[in-house]
């Protein structure tokens, strides 16, 4: 087992990379959920379609959400030193 010390450059680089990927994924998901209406349509009260789905489709959106969850879980376990322990989600499966 390799111990990663929080003060080491490797730790910061690894965590920075994971969080950068999580941020990019979050931005993609945010963009997929943006309202397609113009400001005028929103002000006029023109509603969104009842069955609106993300621009990328629900399957891809859910896949991205699942991946984002793993990025966040990995970063948490990296920070608290439990990287070699399965996450609660993995141990419940």
PDB file of N, CA and C in Angstrom:
ATOM      1  N   UNK A   1       0.839  -1.167   0.000  1.00  0.00           N
ATOM      2  CA  UNK A   1       0.000   0.000   0.000  1.00  0.00           C
ATOM      3  C   UNK A   1       0.889   1.237   0.000  1.00  0.00           C
ATOM      4  N   UNK A   2       0.586   2.165  -0.895  1.00  0.00           N
ATOM      5  CA  UNK A   2       1.343   3.407  -0.984  1.00  0.00           C
ATOM      6  C   UNK A   2       0.565   4.480  -0.240  1.00  0.00           C
ATOM      7  N   UNK A   3       1.220   5.108   0.713  1.00  0.00           N
ATOM      8  CA  UNK A   3       0.576   6.189   1.448  1.00  0.00           C
ATOM      9  C   UNK A   3       0.807   7.496   0.701  1.00  0.00           C
ATOM     10  N   UNK A   4      -0.276   8.198   0.442  1.00  0.00           N
ATOM     11  CA  UNK A   4      -0.171   9.491  -0.221  1.00  0.00           C
ATOM     12  C   UNK A   4      -0.366  10.559   0.834  1.00  0.00           C
ATOM     13  N   UNK A   5       0.625  11.388   0.996  1.00  0.00           N
ATOM     14  CA  UNK A   5       0.559  12.434   2.006  1.00  0.00           C
ATOM     15  C   UNK A   5      -0.105  13.671   1.407  1.00  0.00           C
ATOM     16  N   UNK A   6      -1.038  14.267   2.126  1.00  0.00           N
ATOM     17  CA  UNK A   6      -1.736  15.448   1.602  1.00  0.00           C
ATOM     18  C   UNK A   6      -0.826  16.584   1.180  1.00  0.00           C
ATOM     19  N   UNK A   7       0.357  16.698   1.786  1.00  0.00           N
ATOM     20  CA  UNK A   7       1.234  17.804   1.445  1.00  0.00           C
ATOM     21  C   UNK A   7       2.091  17.519   0.215  1.00  0.00           C
ATOM     22  N   UNK A   8       2.054  16.316  -0.307  1.00  0.00           N
ATOM     23  CA  UNK A   8       2.899  15.985  -1.449  1.00  0.00           C
ATOM     24  C   UNK A   8       2.315  16.552  -2.737  1.00  0.00           C
ATOM     25  N   UNK A   9       3.200  16.864  -3.684  1.00  0.00           N
ATOM     26  CA  UNK A   9       2.776  17.378  -4.979  1.00  0.00           C
ATOM     27  C   UNK A   9       1.949  16.366  -5.742  1.00  0.00           C
ATOM     28  N   UNK A  10       2.270  15.081  -5.596  1.00  0.00           N
ATOM     29  CA  UNK A  10       1.536  14.035  -6.285  1.00  0.00           C
ATOM     30  C   UNK A  10       0.074  14.025  -5.847  1.00  0.00           C
ATOM     31  N   UNK A  11      -0.153  14.166  -4.560  1.00  0.00           N
ATOM     32  CA  UNK A  11      -1.516  14.197  -4.034  1.00  0.00           C
ATOM     33  C   UNK A  11      -2.302  15.351  -4.640  1.00  0.00           C
ATOM     34  N   UNK A  12      -1.703  16.532  -4.635  1.00  0.00           N
ATOM     35  CA  UNK A  12      -2.383  17.716  -5.157  1.00  0.00           C
ATOM     36  C   UNK A  12      -2.661  17.581  -6.648  1.00  0.00           C
ATOM     37  N   UNK A  13      -1.708  17.036  -7.387  1.00  0.00           N
ATOM     38  CA  UNK A  13      -1.894  16.849  -8.825  1.00  0.00           C
ATOM     39  C   UNK A  13      -2.996  15.831  -9.107  1.00  0.00           C
ATOM     40  N   UNK A  14      -2.987  14.729  -8.376  1.00  0.00           N
ATOM     41  CA  UNK A  14      -3.999  13.700  -8.562  1.00  0.00           C
ATOM     42  C   UNK A  14      -5.383  14.224  -8.219  1.00  0.00           C
ATOM     43  N   UNK A  15      -5.495  14.861  -7.074  1.00  0.00           N
ATOM     44  CA  UNK A  15      -6.783  15.410  -6.659  1.00  0.00           C
ATOM     45  C   UNK A  15      -7.239  16.505  -7.614  1.00  0.00           C
ATOM     46  N   UNK A  16      -6.306  17.338  -8.049  1.00  0.00           N
ATOM     47  CA  UNK A  16      -6.646  18.394  -9.005  1.00  0.00           C
ATOM     48  C   UNK A  16      -7.168  17.824 -10.314  1.00  0.00           C
ATOM     49  N   UNK A  17      -6.558  16.742 -10.779  1.00  0.00           N
ATOM     50  CA  UNK A  17      -7.007  16.097 -12.015  1.00  0.00           C
ATOM     51  C   UNK A  17      -8.403  15.508 -11.879  1.00  0.00           C
ATOM     52  N   UNK A  18      -8.651  14.839 -10.766  1.00  0.00           N
ATOM     53  CA  UNK A  18      -9.973  14.242 -10.530  1.00  0.00           C
ATOM     54  C   UNK A  18     -11.037  15.335 -10.449  1.00  0.00           C
ATOM     55  N   UNK A  19     -10.746  16.382  -9.703  1.00  0.00           N
ATOM     56  CA  UNK A  19     -11.730  17.452  -9.541  1.00  0.00           C
ATOM     57  C   UNK A  19     -11.931  18.236 -10.835  1.00  0.00           C
ATOM     58  N   UNK A  20     -10.892  18.356 -11.662  1.00  0.00           N
ATOM     59  CA  UNK A  20     -11.038  19.015 -12.949  1.00  0.00           C
ATOM     60  C   UNK A  20     -11.978  18.220 -13.850  1.00  0.00           C
ATOM     61  N   UNK A  21     -11.821  16.901 -13.856  1.00  0.00           N
ATOM     62  CA  UNK A  21     -12.722  16.057 -14.647  1.00  0.00           C
ATOM     63  C   UNK A  21     -14.161  16.155 -14.121  1.00  0.00           C
ATOM     64  N   UNK A  22     -14.306  16.185 -12.803  1.00  0.00           N
ATOM     65  CA  UNK A  22     -15.641  16.317 -12.208  1.00  0.00           C
ATOM     66  C   UNK A  22     -16.263  17.659 -12.587  1.00  0.00           C
ATOM     67  N   UNK A  23     -15.473  18.721 -12.565  1.00  0.00           N
ATOM     68  CA  UNK A  23     -15.979  20.050 -12.932  1.00  0.00           C
ATOM     69  C   UNK A  23     -16.424  20.091 -14.386  1.00  0.00           C
ATOM     70  N   UNK A  24     -15.611  19.526 -15.290  1.00  0.00           N
ATOM     71  CA  UNK A  24     -15.964  19.505 -16.709  1.00  0.00           C
ATOM     72  C   UNK A  24     -17.263  18.722 -16.931  1.00  0.00           C
ATOM     73  N   UNK A  25     -17.370  17.602 -16.261  1.00  0.00           N
ATOM     74  CA  UNK A  25     -18.566  16.784 -16.389  1.00  0.00           C
ATOM     75  C   UNK A  25     -19.788  17.523 -15.860  1.00  0.00           C
ATOM     76  N   UNK A  26     -19.628  18.212 -14.760  1.00  0.00           N
ATOM     77  CA  UNK A  26     -20.721  18.997 -14.186  1.00  0.00           C
ATOM     78  C   UNK A  26     -21.148  20.101 -15.159  1.00  0.00           C
ATOM     79  N   UNK A  27     -20.189  20.753 -15.801  1.00  0.00           N
ATOM     80  CA  UNK A  27     -20.504  21.791 -16.783  1.00  0.00           C
ATOM     81  C   UNK A  27     -21.275  21.210 -17.963  1.00  0.00           C
ATOM     82  N   UNK A  28     -20.899  20.025 -18.435  1.00  0.00           N
ATOM     83  CA  UNK A  28     -21.623  19.367 -19.524  1.00  0.00           C
ATOM     84  C   UNK A  28     -23.066  19.079 -19.117  1.00  0.00           C
ATOM     85  N   UNK A  29     -23.223  18.589 -17.902  1.00  0.00           N
ATOM     86  CA  UNK A  29     -24.567  18.264 -17.419  1.00  0.00           C
ATOM     87  C   UNK A  29     -25.407  19.532 -17.268  1.00  0.00           C
ATOM     88  N   UNK A  30     -24.799  20.603 -16.771  1.00  0.00           N
ATOM     89  CA  UNK A  30     -25.499  21.877 -16.615  1.00  0.00           C
ATOM     90  C   UNK A  30     -25.962  22.392 -17.983  1.00  0.00           C
ATOM     91  N   UNK A  31     -25.058  22.336 -18.966  1.00  0.00           N
ATOM     92  CA  UNK A  31     -25.397  22.802 -20.309  1.00  0.00           C
ATOM     93  C   UNK A  31     -26.525  21.966 -20.916  1.00  0.00           C
ATOM     94  N   UNK A  32     -26.530  20.669 -20.640  1.00  0.00           N
ATOM     95  CA  UNK A  32     -27.561  19.783 -21.182  1.00  0.00           C
ATOM     96  C   UNK A  32     -28.943  20.088 -20.614  1.00  0.00           C
ATOM     97  N   UNK A  33     -28.992  20.728 -19.460  1.00  0.00           N
ATOM     98  CA  UNK A  33     -30.270  21.008 -18.800  1.00  0.00           C
ATOM     99  C   UNK A  33     -30.735  22.452 -18.966  1.00  0.00           C
ATOM    100  N   UNK A  34     -29.994  23.246 -19.712  1.00  0.00           N
ATOM    101  CA  UNK A  34     -30.359  24.656 -19.846  1.00  0.00           C
ATOM    102  C   UNK A  34     -31.673  24.821 -20.589  1.00  0.00           C
ATOM    103  N   UNK A  35     -32.380  25.870 -20.238  1.00  0.00           N
ATOM    104  CA  UNK A  35     -33.661  26.214 -20.832  1.00  0.00           C
ATOM    105  C   UNK A  35     -33.429  26.733 -22.248  1.00  0.00           C
ATOM    106  N   UNK A  36     -34.128  26.167 -23.227  1.00  0.00           N
ATOM    107  CA  UNK A  36     -33.963  26.577 -24.617  1.00  0.00           C
ATOM    108  C   UNK A  36     -34.764  27.829 -24.955  1.00  0.00           C
ATOM    109  N   UNK A  37     -35.621  28.268 -24.042  1.00  0.00           N
ATOM    110  CA  UNK A  37     -36.461  29.433 -24.324  1.00  0.00           C
ATOM    111  C   UNK A  37     -35.627  30.713 -24.272  1.00  0.00           C
ATOM    112  N   UNK A  38     -36.075  31.702 -25.000  1.00  0.00           N
ATOM    113  CA  UNK A  38     -35.434  33.021 -24.942  1.00  0.00           C
ATOM    114  C   UNK A  38     -35.870  33.721 -23.664  1.00  0.00           C
ATOM    115  N   UNK A  39     -35.174  34.794 -23.318  1.00  0.00           N
ATOM    116  CA  UNK A  39     -35.548  35.571 -22.134  1.00  0.00           C
ATOM    117  C   UNK A  39     -36.984  36.073 -22.266  1.00  0.00           C
ATOM    118  N   UNK A  40     -37.349  36.519 -23.466  1.00  0.00           N
ATOM    119  CA  UNK A  40     -38.699  37.027 -23.697  1.00  0.00           C
ATOM    120  C   UNK A  40     -39.748  35.945 -23.454  1.00  0.00           C
ATOM    121  N   UNK A  41     -39.473  34.738 -23.933  1.00  0.00           N
ATOM    122  CA  UNK A  41     -40.418  33.632 -23.735  1.00  0.00           C
ATOM    123  C   UNK A  41     -40.579  33.308 -22.257  1.00  0.00           C
ATOM    124  N   UNK A  42     -39.504  33.359 -21.512  1.00  0.00           N
ATOM    125  CA  UNK A  42     -39.567  33.083 -20.072  1.00  0.00           C
ATOM    126  C   UNK A  42     -40.383  34.171 -19.372  1.00  0.00           C
ATOM    127  N   UNK A  43     -40.105  35.443 -19.721  1.00  0.00           N
ATOM    128  CA  UNK A  43     -40.830  36.562 -19.106  1.00  0.00           C
ATOM    129  C   UNK A  43     -42.316  36.498 -19.452  1.00  0.00           C
ATOM    130  N   UNK A  44     -42.634  36.113 -20.693  1.00  0.00           N
ATOM    131  CA  UNK A  44     -44.032  36.016 -21.123  1.00  0.00           C
ATOM    132  C   UNK A  44     -44.743  34.808 -20.525  1.00  0.00           C
ATOM    133  N   UNK A  45     -44.014  33.950 -19.889  1.00  0.00           N
ATOM    134  CA  UNK A  45     -44.613  32.794 -19.231  1.00  0.00           C
ATOM    135  C   UNK A  45     -44.860  31.606 -20.143  1.00  0.00           C
ATOM    136  N   UNK A  46     -44.203  31.592 -21.284  1.00  0.00           N
ATOM    137  CA  UNK A  46     -44.331  30.445 -22.178  1.00  0.00           C
ATOM    138  C   UNK A  46     -43.616  29.271 -21.523  1.00  0.00           C
ATOM    139  N   UNK A  47     -44.365  28.241 -21.246  1.00  0.00           N
ATOM    140  CA  UNK A  47     -43.823  27.115 -20.501  1.00  0.00           C
ATOM    141  C   UNK A  47     -42.924  26.202 -21.309  1.00  0.00           C
ATOM    142  N   UNK A  48     -42.129  25.454 -20.576  1.00  0.00           N
ATOM    143  CA  UNK A  48     -41.289  24.435 -21.204  1.00  0.00           C
ATOM    144  C   UNK A  48     -42.162  23.228 -21.533  1.00  0.00           C
ATOM    145  N   UNK A  49     -41.746  22.437 -22.507  1.00  0.00           N
ATOM    146  CA  UNK A  49     -42.500  21.209 -22.795  1.00  0.00           C
ATOM    147  C   UNK A  49     -42.552  20.309 -21.562  1.00  0.00           C
ATOM    148  N   UNK A  50     -43.661  19.632 -21.374  1.00  0.00           N
ATOM    149  CA  UNK A  50     -43.829  18.758 -20.206  1.00  0.00           C
ATOM    150  C   UNK A  50     -42.809  17.625 -20.182  1.00  0.00           C
ATOM    151  N   UNK A  51     -42.441  17.143 -21.342  1.00  0.00           N
ATOM    152  CA  UNK A  51     -41.544  15.981 -21.396  1.00  0.00           C
ATOM    153  C   UNK A  51     -40.121  16.388 -21.773  1.00  0.00           C
ATOM    154  N   UNK A  52     -39.694  17.561 -21.325  1.00  0.00           N
ATOM    155  CA  UNK A  52     -38.346  18.039 -21.666  1.00  0.00           C
ATOM    156  C   UNK A  52     -37.292  17.075 -21.143  1.00  0.00           C
ATOM    157  N   UNK A  53     -36.330  16.829 -21.970  1.00  0.00           N
ATOM    158  CA  UNK A  53     -35.212  15.993 -21.540  1.00  0.00           C
ATOM    159  C   UNK A  53     -33.912  16.717 -21.849  1.00  0.00           C
ATOM    160  N   UNK A  54     -32.824  16.316 -21.202  1.00  0.00           N
ATOM    161  CA  UNK A  54     -31.527  16.959 -21.458  1.00  0.00           C
ATOM    162  C   UNK A  54     -31.155  16.852 -22.933  1.00  0.00           C
ATOM    163  N   UNK A  55     -30.388  17.802 -23.410  1.00  0.00           N
ATOM    164  CA  UNK A  55     -29.984  17.833 -24.815  1.00  0.00           C
ATOM    165  C   UNK A  55     -29.279  16.543 -25.240  1.00  0.00           C
ATOM    166  N   UNK A  56     -28.557  15.911 -24.324  1.00  0.00           N
ATOM    167  CA  UNK A  56     -27.816  14.692 -24.653  1.00  0.00           C
ATOM    168  C   UNK A  56     -28.673  13.435 -24.514  1.00  0.00           C
ATOM    169  N   UNK A  57     -29.901  13.570 -24.018  1.00  0.00           N
ATOM    170  CA  UNK A  57     -30.768  12.418 -23.786  1.00  0.00           C
ATOM    171  C   UNK A  57     -30.592  11.897 -22.366  1.00  0.00           C
ATOM    172  N   UNK A  58     -31.623  11.229 -21.868  1.00  0.00           N
ATOM    173  CA  UNK A  58     -31.591  10.767 -20.471  1.00  0.00           C
ATOM    174  C   UNK A  58     -30.526   9.708 -20.211  1.00  0.00           C
ATOM    175  N   UNK A  59     -30.323   8.810 -21.145  1.00  0.00           N
ATOM    176  CA  UNK A  59     -29.350   7.735 -20.915  1.00  0.00           C
ATOM    177  C   UNK A  59     -27.943   8.300 -20.715  1.00  0.00           C
ATOM    178  N   UNK A  60     -27.535   9.209 -21.601  1.00  0.00           N
ATOM    179  CA  UNK A  60     -26.201   9.799 -21.477  1.00  0.00           C
ATOM    180  C   UNK A  60     -26.110  10.692 -20.247  1.00  0.00           C
ATOM    181  N   UNK A  61     -27.190  11.421 -19.940  1.00  0.00           N
ATOM    182  CA  UNK A  61     -27.209  12.278 -18.761  1.00  0.00           C
ATOM    183  C   UNK A  61     -27.028  11.440 -17.491  1.00  0.00           C
ATOM    184  N   UNK A  62     -27.745  10.336 -17.385  1.00  0.00           N
ATOM    185  CA  UNK A  62     -27.642   9.478 -16.202  1.00  0.00           C
ATOM    186  C   UNK A  62     -26.251   8.846 -16.112  1.00  0.00           C
ATOM    187  N   UNK A  63     -25.673   8.507 -17.259  1.00  0.00           N
ATOM    188  CA  UNK A  63     -24.307   7.968 -17.264  1.00  0.00           C
ATOM    189  C   UNK A  63     -23.323   9.018 -16.732  1.00  0.00           C
ATOM    190  N   UNK A  64     -23.494  10.265 -17.148  1.00  0.00           N
ATOM    191  CA  UNK A  64     -22.624  11.341 -16.669  1.00  0.00           C
ATOM    192  C   UNK A  64     -22.830  11.577 -15.176  1.00  0.00           C
ATOM    193  N   UNK A  65     -24.061  11.524 -14.725  1.00  0.00           N
ATOM    194  CA  UNK A  65     -24.353  11.703 -13.305  1.00  0.00           C
ATOM    195  C   UNK A  65     -23.683  10.601 -12.480  1.00  0.00           C
ATOM    196  N   UNK A  66     -23.762   9.370 -12.972  1.00  0.00           N
ATOM    197  CA  UNK A  66     -23.128   8.239 -12.291  1.00  0.00           C
ATOM    198  C   UNK A  66     -21.607   8.428 -12.233  1.00  0.00           C
ATOM    199  N   UNK A  67     -21.016   8.868 -13.340  1.00  0.00           N
ATOM    200  CA  UNK A  67     -19.573   9.100 -13.387  1.00  0.00           C
ATOM    201  C   UNK A  67     -19.174  10.235 -12.445  1.00  0.00           C
ATOM    202  N   UNK A  68     -19.967  11.301 -12.398  1.00  0.00           N
ATOM    203  CA  UNK A  68     -19.692  12.411 -11.490  1.00  0.00           C
ATOM    204  C   UNK A  68     -19.701  11.938 -10.043  1.00  0.00           C
ATOM    205  N   UNK A  69     -20.647  11.083  -9.719  1.00  0.00           N
ATOM    206  CA  UNK A  69     -20.734  10.521  -8.359  1.00  0.00           C
ATOM    207  C   UNK A  69     -19.443   9.770  -8.005  1.00  0.00           C
ATOM    208  N   UNK A  70     -18.904   9.010  -8.967  1.00  0.00           N
ATOM    209  CA  UNK A  70     -17.662   8.267  -8.720  1.00  0.00           C
ATOM    210  C   UNK A  70     -16.461   9.204  -8.558  1.00  0.00           C
ATOM    211  N   UNK A  71     -16.402  10.261  -9.369  1.00  0.00           N
ATOM    212  CA  UNK A  71     -15.318  11.238  -9.219  1.00  0.00           C
ATOM    213  C   UNK A  71     -15.335  11.848  -7.818  1.00  0.00           C
ATOM    214  N   UNK A  72     -16.517  12.238  -7.377  1.00  0.00           N
ATOM    215  CA  UNK A  72     -16.638  12.865  -6.061  1.00  0.00           C
ATOM    216  C   UNK A  72     -16.293  11.866  -4.959  1.00  0.00           C
ATOM    217  N   UNK A  73     -16.765  10.634  -5.074  1.00  0.00           N
ATOM    218  CA  UNK A  73     -16.460   9.607  -4.075  1.00  0.00           C
ATOM    219  C   UNK A  73     -14.960   9.331  -4.033  1.00  0.00           C
ATOM    220  N   UNK A  74     -14.322   9.243  -5.198  1.00  0.00           N
ATOM    221  CA  UNK A  74     -12.884   8.993  -5.260  1.00  0.00           C
ATOM    222  C   UNK A  74     -12.114  10.132  -4.603  1.00  0.00           C
ATOM    223  N   UNK A  75     -12.491  11.376  -4.913  1.00  0.00           N
ATOM    224  CA  UNK A  75     -11.810  12.524  -4.320  1.00  0.00           C
ATOM    225  C   UNK A  75     -11.977  12.527  -2.805  1.00  0.00           C
ATOM    226  N   UNK A  76     -13.158  12.204  -2.314  1.00  0.00           N
ATOM    227  CA  UNK A  76     -13.417  12.154  -0.874  1.00  0.00           C
ATOM    228  C   UNK A  76     -12.529  11.103  -0.212  1.00  0.00           C
ATOM    229  N   UNK A  77     -12.493   9.893  -0.809  1.00  0.00           N
ATOM    230  CA  UNK A  77     -11.687   8.826  -0.219  1.00  0.00           C
ATOM    231  C   UNK A  77     -10.198   9.130  -0.320  1.00  0.00           C
ATOM    232  N   UNK A  78      -9.789   9.825  -1.368  1.00  0.00           N
ATOM    233  CA  UNK A  78      -8.394  10.232  -1.502  1.00  0.00           C
ATOM    234  C   UNK A  78      -8.026  11.215  -0.394  1.00  0.00           C
ATOM    235  N   UNK A  79      -8.918  12.143  -0.111  1.00  0.00           N
ATOM    236  CA  UNK A  79      -8.649  13.157   0.923  1.00  0.00           C
ATOM    237  C   UNK A  79      -8.683  12.588   2.333  1.00  0.00           C
ATOM    238  N   UNK A  80      -9.599  11.655   2.599  1.00  0.00           N
ATOM    239  CA  UNK A  80      -9.704  11.154   3.982  1.00  0.00           C
ATOM    240  C   UNK A  80      -8.855   9.912   4.233  1.00  0.00           C
ATOM    241  N   UNK A  81      -8.068   9.493   3.237  1.00  0.00           N
ATOM    242  CA  UNK A  81      -7.140   8.382   3.432  1.00  0.00           C
ATOM    243  C   UNK A  81      -7.763   7.003   3.341  1.00  0.00           C
ATOM    244  N   UNK A  82      -8.989   6.906   2.860  1.00  0.00           N
ATOM    245  CA  UNK A  82      -9.651   5.601   2.783  1.00  0.00           C
ATOM    246  C   UNK A  82      -9.706   5.084   1.349  1.00  0.00           C
ATOM    247  N   UNK A  83      -8.732   5.463   0.530  1.00  0.00           N
ATOM    248  CA  UNK A  83      -8.713   5.092  -0.878  1.00  0.00           C
ATOM    249  C   UNK A  83      -8.702   3.580  -1.089  1.00  0.00           C
ATOM    250  N   UNK A  84      -8.038   2.840  -0.225  1.00  0.00           N
ATOM    251  CA  UNK A  84      -7.964   1.386  -0.377  1.00  0.00           C
ATOM    252  C   UNK A  84      -9.161   0.658   0.213  1.00  0.00           C
ATOM    253  N   UNK A  85     -10.061   1.386   0.861  1.00  0.00           N
ATOM    254  CA  UNK A  85     -11.281   0.790   1.400  1.00  0.00           C
ATOM    255  C   UNK A  85     -12.412   1.000   0.406  1.00  0.00           C
ATOM    256  N   UNK A  86     -13.267   0.005   0.229  1.00  0.00           N
ATOM    257  CA  UNK A  86     -14.394   0.208  -0.695  1.00  0.00           C
ATOM    258  C   UNK A  86     -15.317   1.293  -0.152  1.00  0.00           C
ATOM    259  N   UNK A  87     -15.928   2.048  -1.061  1.00  0.00           N
ATOM    260  CA  UNK A  87     -16.879   3.055  -0.624  1.00  0.00           C
ATOM    261  C   UNK A  87     -18.115   2.346  -0.102  1.00  0.00           C
ATOM    262  N   UNK A  88     -18.979   3.064   0.588  1.00  0.00           N
ATOM    263  CA  UNK A  88     -20.202   2.473   1.129  1.00  0.00           C
ATOM    264  C   UNK A  88     -21.040   1.891   0.012  1.00  0.00           C
ATOM    265  N   UNK A  89     -21.096   2.590  -1.123  1.00  0.00           N
ATOM    266  CA  UNK A  89     -21.885   2.101  -2.253  1.00  0.00           C
ATOM    267  C   UNK A  89     -21.355   0.774  -2.779  1.00  0.00           C
ATOM    268  N   UNK A  90     -20.035   0.641  -2.862  1.00  0.00           N
ATOM    269  CA  UNK A  90     -19.436  -0.591  -3.361  1.00  0.00           C
ATOM    270  C   UNK A  90     -19.637  -1.747  -2.377  1.00  0.00           C
ATOM    271  N   UNK A  91     -19.570  -1.472  -1.082  1.00  0.00           N
ATOM    272  CA  UNK A  91     -19.709  -2.538  -0.100  1.00  0.00           C
ATOM    273  C   UNK A  91     -21.159  -2.990   0.056  1.00  0.00           C
ATOM    274  N   UNK A  92     -22.115  -2.124  -0.335  1.00  0.00           N
ATOM    275  CA  UNK A  92     -23.530  -2.495  -0.252  1.00  0.00           C
ATOM    276  C   UNK A  92     -23.960  -3.291  -1.473  1.00  0.00           C
ATOM    277  N   UNK A  93     -23.212  -3.207  -2.573  1.00  0.00           N
ATOM    278  CA  UNK A  93     -23.619  -3.889  -3.802  1.00  0.00           C
ATOM    279  C   UNK A  93     -23.437  -5.376  -3.717  1.00  0.00           C
TER     280      UNK A  93
END
